[in-house]
Amino acid sequence: PRPQHEGLGVGGSSSEAYFVPTPPEHSSAGHGSGQGLSAAGTPGGPGRLPFNYRKIRWFDQAGANERKAARGFLNGEVARARRLRGAAVSDHLRRAGERLRRRQRGRTPAQPSRTGDEEDAPMDEADDLALPPVDLGGESRSLETAFDRFPPSEMTPAMSAALVLESLSINPRESLEGLGKCYDGIVSAGTALLDVQARAASGDGNIIDPASDRYGRGGGDALTASEVMSALSPLLITTLEQPSGDALVALSALRDMCGTSRYRRRFVQRVAPLLVRPPDSAAWSVRHQGDMAAVVAAVEMILDAAPGVFRDGWHGRGRAMLRDTERADQLRTAASRLRAAGGRDGCDGA
């Protein structure tokens, strides 16, 4: 079986650089004219891709036409889901207004209807409960089944790649619901992983357990990629929504379809900038570029661990953790108030 985190270079299993920051004299504008960067960050020949991307055919064949078609389909599905939600909310408000007007008129079940219509019939509390519930989940169900409505004849490999890329970038605020709130924590985790990688490459850290990629740090403490993921997992499961976790598991499964570790790394390099970006910020913004090395390292780690972290029941466990945290905060607040009250009573007694 493939070892976890092999793409991080912690064990020296891969020499292909993930991301080389673009110097000012070789900006992305120059890449479009063929002035790219080599793997070492030096000017390369023609054919280089922007942002030091490596070639991966599945993404490269998604051209401007496919991206435009995918964007139009997704925008149409989002608009459809919003119309469903708007109709459900309008229906809910109409029903609530009818019940309020009937209560204000003071009508009782014994009073006959003026018109005889069912819509104007008397209503009591039992009738209120008998009304079918207003469907406010139509929006989410519509989005979950959106790809079922995509024409099968048009689902080519290029179109599927374009749909993946556009799905992650269609929301300008964040790629997945709740992931923008995790940005700082993900960058911190990626920075810790890069520190492990740097110590392994320079030989500064003393190898305690080569099988687990455990490296000593100065005072004798140690850090592993699995420990970094264990520290990041509570943030993810308490912040992300259920569909966001399902999307990360799907991306992990899609990455595992790549035949070699090199192309698994290249898959992460293409997806990571769109998946994890600063909240309310565009991909490849100035802040994003500065954090890109940490972002890519952390995304690879998250995709490695996604099937285990987001297993069945993860969302409920995250909500339970939040409730426990809230209860602990309330207990601490109550204890501090009691201590303060006890101090005032002691002063009054004195």
Protein backbone atom coordinates (compact mmCIF):
# COMPACT_ATOMS: atom_id res chain seq x y z
CA PRO A 1 0.00 0.00 0.00
CA ARG A 2 1.06 3.55 -0.67
CA PRO A 3 2.49 5.24 2.45
CA GLN A 4 0.79 8.38 3.63
CA HIS A 5 2.34 11.76 2.97
CA GLU A 6 4.90 10.40 0.51
CA GLY A 7 4.36 13.43 -1.72
CA LEU A 8 5.54 15.78 1.01
CA GLY A 9 9.10 14.80 0.42
CA VAL A 10 9.58 14.05 4.13
CA GLY A 11 11.17 10.76 3.30
CA GLY A 12 12.87 12.06 0.15
CA SER A 13 10.59 9.97 -2.09
CA SER A 14 10.04 12.71 -4.68
CA SER A 15 12.34 15.37 -6.09
CA GLU A 16 9.75 17.25 -8.17
CA ALA A 17 9.08 20.63 -6.60
CA TYR A 18 5.46 21.40 -5.82
CA PHE A 19 5.50 25.15 -6.13
CA VAL A 20 8.20 27.70 -6.81
CA PRO A 21 7.21 31.30 -5.96
CA THR A 22 7.19 33.44 -9.07
CA PRO A 23 9.80 36.25 -8.94
CA PRO A 24 8.55 39.74 -9.89
CA GLU A 25 10.54 39.72 -13.11
CA HIS A 26 8.75 36.53 -14.20
CA SER A 27 5.13 37.29 -13.33
CA SER A 28 2.16 35.31 -14.54
CA ALA A 29 1.72 37.84 -17.35
CA GLY A 30 5.05 36.72 -18.79
CA HIS A 31 4.05 33.07 -18.65
CA GLY A 32 1.39 33.63 -21.24
CA SER A 33 4.07 34.58 -23.77
CA GLY A 34 6.07 31.44 -23.06
CA GLN A 35 8.45 32.88 -20.44
CA GLY A 36 7.92 30.33 -17.68
CA LEU A 37 9.98 28.99 -14.84
CA SER A 38 11.80 25.72 -14.67
CA ALA A 39 11.56 23.42 -11.67
CA ALA A 40 14.47 25.26 -10.12
CA GLY A 41 12.73 28.61 -10.44
CA THR A 42 14.89 29.85 -13.34
CA PRO A 43 13.57 31.11 -16.67
CA GLY A 44 12.61 28.19 -18.87
CA GLY A 45 11.81 27.63 -22.51
CA PRO A 46 8.46 27.86 -24.26
CA GLY A 47 5.58 25.65 -23.22
CA ARG A 48 5.84 26.28 -19.50
CA LEU A 49 2.56 26.66 -17.60
CA PRO A 50 1.57 29.57 -15.32
CA PHE A 51 2.38 29.44 -11.62
CA ASN A 52 4.92 26.66 -12.20
CA TYR A 53 2.13 24.15 -12.88
CA ARG A 54 3.23 20.72 -14.06
CA LYS A 55 1.48 19.06 -16.96
CA ILE A 56 -1.38 16.68 -16.24
CA ARG A 57 -3.44 15.79 -19.27
CA TRP A 58 -6.85 15.56 -17.61
CA PHE A 59 -6.72 19.20 -16.51
CA ASP A 60 -4.75 20.48 -19.50
CA GLN A 61 -7.38 19.37 -22.00
CA ALA A 62 -10.05 21.48 -20.28
CA GLY A 63 -9.83 24.58 -22.47
CA ALA A 64 -11.68 27.88 -22.47
CA ASN A 65 -14.74 26.44 -24.24
CA GLU A 66 -15.14 23.63 -21.71
CA ARG A 67 -14.64 26.00 -18.79
CA LYS A 68 -17.25 28.39 -20.19
CA ALA A 69 -19.78 25.60 -20.74
CA ALA A 70 -19.18 24.20 -17.25
CA ARG A 71 -19.51 27.66 -15.69
CA GLY A 72 -22.80 28.25 -17.52
CA PHE A 73 -24.22 24.91 -16.39
CA LEU A 74 -23.23 25.49 -12.75
CA ASN A 75 -24.60 29.04 -12.73
CA GLY A 76 -27.88 27.75 -14.12
CA GLU A 77 -28.12 25.08 -11.41
CA VAL A 78 -27.35 27.60 -8.68
CA ALA A 79 -30.05 29.93 -10.04
CA ARG A 80 -32.51 27.02 -10.15
CA ALA A 81 -31.77 26.09 -6.54
CA ARG A 82 -32.25 29.68 -5.44
CA ARG A 83 -35.62 29.84 -7.18
CA LEU A 84 -36.71 26.69 -5.34
CA ARG A 85 -35.70 28.18 -2.03
CA GLY A 86 -37.41 31.47 -2.81
CA ALA A 87 -40.63 29.66 -3.73
CA ALA A 88 -40.49 27.61 -0.52
CA VAL A 89 -39.93 30.70 1.62
CA SER A 90 -42.76 32.55 -0.12
CA ASP A 91 -45.10 29.62 0.43
CA HIS A 92 -44.09 29.47 4.09
CA LEU A 93 -44.77 33.18 4.58
CA ARG A 94 -48.13 32.91 2.80
CA ARG A 95 -49.24 30.06 5.07
CA ALA A 96 -48.03 31.90 8.16
CA GLY A 97 -49.95 35.03 7.09
CA GLU A 98 -53.13 33.05 6.56
CA ARG A 99 -52.92 31.51 10.03
CA LEU A 100 -52.25 34.90 11.57
CA ARG A 101 -55.25 36.51 9.84
CA ARG A 102 -57.57 33.72 10.94
CA ARG A 103 -56.46 34.03 14.56
CA GLN A 104 -56.92 37.79 14.42
CA ARG A 105 -60.49 37.36 13.14
CA GLY A 106 -61.15 35.18 16.19
CA ARG A 107 -62.84 32.47 14.21
CA THR A 108 -63.44 29.09 15.85
CA PRO A 109 -64.09 25.64 14.34
CA ALA A 110 -67.82 26.10 15.13
CA GLN A 111 -68.09 29.14 12.87
CA PRO A 112 -69.06 28.35 9.26
CA SER A 113 -66.94 29.47 6.33
CA ARG A 114 -68.29 32.46 4.41
CA THR A 115 -67.37 31.05 1.03
CA GLY A 116 -67.25 27.35 1.68
CA ASP A 117 -63.79 27.17 0.11
CA GLU A 118 -61.21 25.01 1.76
CA GLU A 119 -58.73 27.90 1.67
CA ASP A 120 -61.14 30.00 3.79
CA ALA A 121 -62.20 27.16 6.09
CA PRO A 122 -61.80 27.59 9.87
CA MET A 123 -58.50 26.43 11.32
CA ASP A 124 -57.52 25.49 14.83
CA GLU A 125 -54.25 24.32 16.37
CA ALA A 126 -54.84 20.74 15.22
CA ASP A 127 -55.30 21.98 11.65
CA ASP A 128 -52.04 23.93 11.93
CA LEU A 129 -50.20 20.75 12.88
CA ALA A 130 -51.89 18.82 10.08
CA LEU A 131 -50.52 21.15 7.40
CA PRO A 132 -47.69 19.61 5.39
CA PRO A 133 -44.34 21.06 6.42
CA VAL A 134 -42.82 23.67 4.17
CA ASP A 135 -39.99 22.20 2.13
CA LEU A 136 -36.93 24.37 2.81
CA GLY A 137 -34.47 21.68 1.73
CA GLY A 138 -35.25 21.88 -1.95
CA GLU A 139 -32.23 24.07 -2.59
CA SER A 140 -29.73 21.61 -1.12
CA ARG A 141 -31.35 18.61 -2.82
CA SER A 142 -31.30 20.41 -6.15
CA LEU A 143 -27.59 21.13 -5.81
CA GLU A 144 -26.82 17.56 -4.71
CA THR A 145 -28.47 16.17 -7.85
CA ALA A 146 -27.25 18.86 -10.23
CA PHE A 147 -24.85 16.64 -12.14
CA ASP A 148 -27.61 14.11 -12.76
CA ARG A 149 -29.12 16.69 -15.09
CA PHE A 150 -25.93 17.21 -17.08
CA PRO A 151 -26.31 15.80 -20.63
CA PRO A 152 -24.48 12.43 -20.66
CA SER A 153 -23.43 12.88 -24.28
CA GLU A 154 -21.46 16.01 -23.33
CA MET A 155 -19.65 14.50 -20.33
CA THR A 156 -16.23 14.14 -21.90
CA PRO A 157 -12.97 13.91 -19.90
CA ALA A 158 -12.25 17.55 -20.69
CA MET A 159 -15.72 18.59 -19.53
CA SER A 160 -15.43 16.59 -16.31
CA ALA A 161 -12.14 18.32 -15.49
CA ALA A 162 -13.69 21.71 -16.24
CA LEU A 163 -16.63 20.93 -13.95
CA VAL A 164 -14.27 20.07 -11.09
CA LEU A 165 -12.30 23.29 -11.49
CA GLU A 166 -15.36 25.50 -11.92
CA SER A 167 -17.16 23.87 -8.99
CA LEU A 168 -14.31 24.91 -6.70
CA SER A 169 -14.16 28.47 -8.02
CA ILE A 170 -17.82 29.36 -8.66
CA ASN A 171 -18.27 30.71 -5.11
CA PRO A 172 -16.11 33.85 -4.75
CA ARG A 173 -16.15 33.62 -0.93
CA GLU A 174 -14.90 30.06 -0.41
CA SER A 175 -14.65 26.84 -2.37
CA LEU A 176 -16.51 24.63 0.15
CA GLU A 177 -18.86 25.78 2.89
CA GLY A 178 -16.85 26.44 6.04
CA LEU A 179 -13.42 25.94 4.48
CA GLY A 180 -12.66 29.67 4.40
CA LYS A 181 -12.86 29.75 8.21
CA CYS A 182 -10.20 27.03 8.33
CA TYR A 183 -7.71 28.90 6.13
CA ASP A 184 -5.38 30.12 8.89
CA GLY A 185 -5.34 26.71 10.56
CA ILE A 186 -4.62 24.93 7.27
CA VAL A 187 -1.75 27.31 6.49
CA SER A 188 -0.30 26.75 9.97
CA ALA A 189 -0.49 22.98 9.46
CA GLY A 190 1.19 23.28 6.08
CA THR A 191 3.95 25.42 7.57
CA ALA A 192 4.58 22.75 10.20
CA LEU A 193 4.81 20.10 7.47
CA LEU A 194 7.27 22.21 5.50
CA ASP A 195 9.35 22.53 8.66
CA VAL A 196 9.45 18.74 8.94
CA GLN A 197 10.44 18.52 5.29
CA ALA A 198 13.17 21.13 5.65
CA ARG A 199 14.69 19.41 8.67
CA ALA A 200 14.64 16.09 6.88
CA ALA A 201 16.34 17.56 3.81
CA SER A 202 19.03 19.46 5.75
CA GLY A 203 19.74 16.73 8.24
CA ASP A 204 19.32 19.09 11.21
CA GLY A 205 16.73 16.89 12.87
CA ASN A 206 17.75 13.64 14.52
CA ILE A 207 15.77 10.75 13.09
CA ILE A 208 14.09 8.96 15.95
CA ASP A 209 11.85 6.60 13.98
CA PRO A 210 12.49 6.56 10.19
CA ALA A 211 9.41 4.38 9.57
CA SER A 212 7.11 7.08 10.95
CA ASP A 213 9.05 10.10 9.61
CA ARG A 214 9.57 11.31 13.17
CA TYR A 215 12.23 13.95 13.63
CA GLY A 216 13.58 15.47 16.82
CA ARG A 217 13.52 19.23 17.27
CA GLY A 218 16.24 20.71 19.42
CA GLY A 219 14.96 20.03 22.91
CA GLY A 220 14.04 16.42 22.10
CA ASP A 221 10.39 16.85 21.22
CA ALA A 222 9.23 15.35 17.93
CA LEU A 223 6.74 16.11 15.17
CA THR A 224 5.12 13.87 12.58
CA ALA A 225 2.75 14.52 9.70
CA SER A 226 0.10 12.35 11.39
CA GLU A 227 0.36 14.46 14.54
CA VAL A 228 -0.13 17.63 12.50
CA MET A 229 -3.21 16.09 10.90
CA SER A 230 -4.52 15.03 14.31
CA ALA A 231 -4.24 18.64 15.47
CA LEU A 232 -5.99 19.93 12.33
CA SER A 233 -8.84 17.38 12.32
CA PRO A 234 -10.90 18.96 15.16
CA LEU A 235 -10.89 22.29 13.34
CA LEU A 236 -12.16 20.65 10.15
CA ILE A 237 -14.91 18.49 11.64
CA THR A 238 -16.27 21.31 13.82
CA THR A 239 -16.28 23.91 11.03
CA LEU A 240 -17.14 22.15 7.77
CA GLU A 241 -20.64 21.17 6.72
CA GLN A 242 -21.55 17.62 5.70
CA PRO A 243 -21.39 18.26 1.90
CA SER A 244 -17.94 19.84 2.30
CA GLY A 245 -16.55 16.72 3.94
CA ASP A 246 -18.14 14.55 1.27
CA ALA A 247 -16.49 16.70 -1.41
CA LEU A 248 -13.05 16.26 0.20
CA VAL A 249 -13.53 12.48 0.28
CA ALA A 250 -14.54 12.55 -3.40
CA LEU A 251 -11.46 14.61 -4.30
CA SER A 252 -9.29 12.15 -2.40
CA ALA A 253 -10.80 9.24 -4.35
CA LEU A 254 -10.34 11.13 -7.62
CA ARG A 255 -6.69 11.80 -6.81
CA ASP A 256 -6.11 8.12 -6.05
CA MET A 257 -7.12 7.32 -9.63
CA CYS A 258 -3.83 8.87 -10.76
CA GLY A 259 -1.44 6.10 -11.69
CA THR A 260 1.75 7.35 -10.08
CA SER A 261 2.77 9.42 -7.07
CA ARG A 262 4.07 12.11 -9.42
CA TYR A 263 0.66 12.63 -10.99
CA ARG A 264 -1.04 12.46 -7.63
CA ARG A 265 1.18 15.35 -6.61
CA ARG A 266 0.36 17.22 -9.80
CA PHE A 267 -3.36 16.68 -9.18
CA VAL A 268 -2.98 18.31 -5.75
CA GLN A 269 -1.02 21.18 -7.29
CA ARG A 270 -3.91 21.98 -9.65
CA VAL A 271 -6.70 21.60 -7.07
CA ALA A 272 -5.12 23.14 -3.96
CA PRO A 273 -5.11 26.83 -5.07
CA LEU A 274 -8.85 26.68 -5.81
CA LEU A 275 -9.75 24.49 -2.84
CA VAL A 276 -8.00 26.44 -0.08
CA ARG A 277 -7.87 30.19 -0.53
CA PRO A 278 -8.18 33.16 1.83
CA PRO A 279 -11.79 34.01 2.70
CA ASP A 280 -13.35 36.60 0.39
CA SER A 281 -10.21 36.56 -1.72
CA ALA A 282 -9.39 35.41 -5.23
CA ALA A 283 -7.09 32.51 -5.95
CA TRP A 284 -3.46 33.54 -6.46
CA SER A 285 -3.91 36.84 -4.65
CA VAL A 286 -0.79 38.33 -3.06
CA ARG A 287 -1.52 36.72 0.31
CA HIS A 288 -2.41 33.45 -1.36
CA GLN A 289 0.85 33.30 -3.30
CA GLY A 290 2.83 33.83 -0.13
CA ASP A 291 1.02 30.94 1.55
CA MET A 292 0.93 28.64 -1.48
CA ALA A 293 3.72 26.27 -0.48
CA ALA A 294 2.05 25.64 2.89
CA VAL A 295 -1.40 25.36 1.27
CA VAL A 296 -0.31 22.69 -1.19
CA ALA A 297 1.49 20.66 1.49
CA ALA A 298 -1.55 20.83 3.79
CA VAL A 299 -4.02 19.91 1.04
CA GLU A 300 -2.05 16.79 0.20
CA MET A 301 -2.10 15.80 3.84
CA ILE A 302 -5.86 16.45 4.10
CA LEU A 303 -6.63 14.38 1.00
CA ASP A 304 -4.47 11.56 2.38
CA ALA A 305 -6.43 11.54 5.63
CA ALA A 306 -9.90 12.47 4.28
CA PRO A 307 -11.40 8.93 4.20
CA GLY A 308 -10.54 8.46 7.87
CA VAL A 309 -11.33 11.95 9.14
CA PHE A 310 -14.65 12.27 7.29
CA ARG A 311 -15.92 8.75 7.90
CA ASP A 312 -19.54 8.03 8.81
CA GLY A 313 -20.82 10.19 11.66
CA TRP A 314 -18.05 12.80 11.52
CA HIS A 315 -20.46 15.72 11.31
CA GLY A 316 -22.36 14.62 14.41
CA ARG A 317 -19.10 14.19 16.32
CA GLY A 318 -18.05 17.69 15.33
CA ARG A 319 -21.31 19.20 16.52
CA ALA A 320 -20.99 17.28 19.80
CA MET A 321 -17.51 18.73 20.27
CA LEU A 322 -18.91 22.21 19.74
CA ARG A 323 -21.65 21.62 22.29
CA ASP A 324 -19.11 20.30 24.80
CA THR A 325 -16.94 23.36 24.22
CA GLU A 326 -19.90 25.68 24.75
CA ARG A 327 -20.85 23.88 27.96
CA ALA A 328 -17.27 24.09 29.21
CA ASP A 329 -17.21 27.83 28.48
CA GLN A 330 -20.50 28.30 30.34
CA LEU A 331 -19.18 26.35 33.34
CA ARG A 332 -16.00 28.42 33.40
CA THR A 333 -18.04 31.62 33.22
CA ALA A 334 -20.33 30.48 36.01
CA ALA A 335 -17.37 29.46 38.18
CA SER A 336 -15.68 32.81 37.67
CA ARG A 337 -18.90 34.61 38.65
CA LEU A 338 -19.21 32.48 41.78
CA ARG A 339 -15.63 33.23 42.73
CA ALA A 340 -16.23 36.94 42.15
CA ALA A 341 -19.46 36.80 44.19
CA GLY A 342 -17.67 34.93 46.97
CA GLY A 343 -14.96 37.56 47.04
CA ARG A 344 -17.51 40.35 47.37
CA ASP A 345 -19.33 38.50 50.18
CA GLY A 346 -16.05 38.09 52.04
CA CYS A 347 -15.33 41.77 51.75
CA ASP A 348 -18.85 42.66 52.97
CA GLY A 349 -18.52 40.33 55.93
CA ALA A 350 -15.23 41.84 56.86
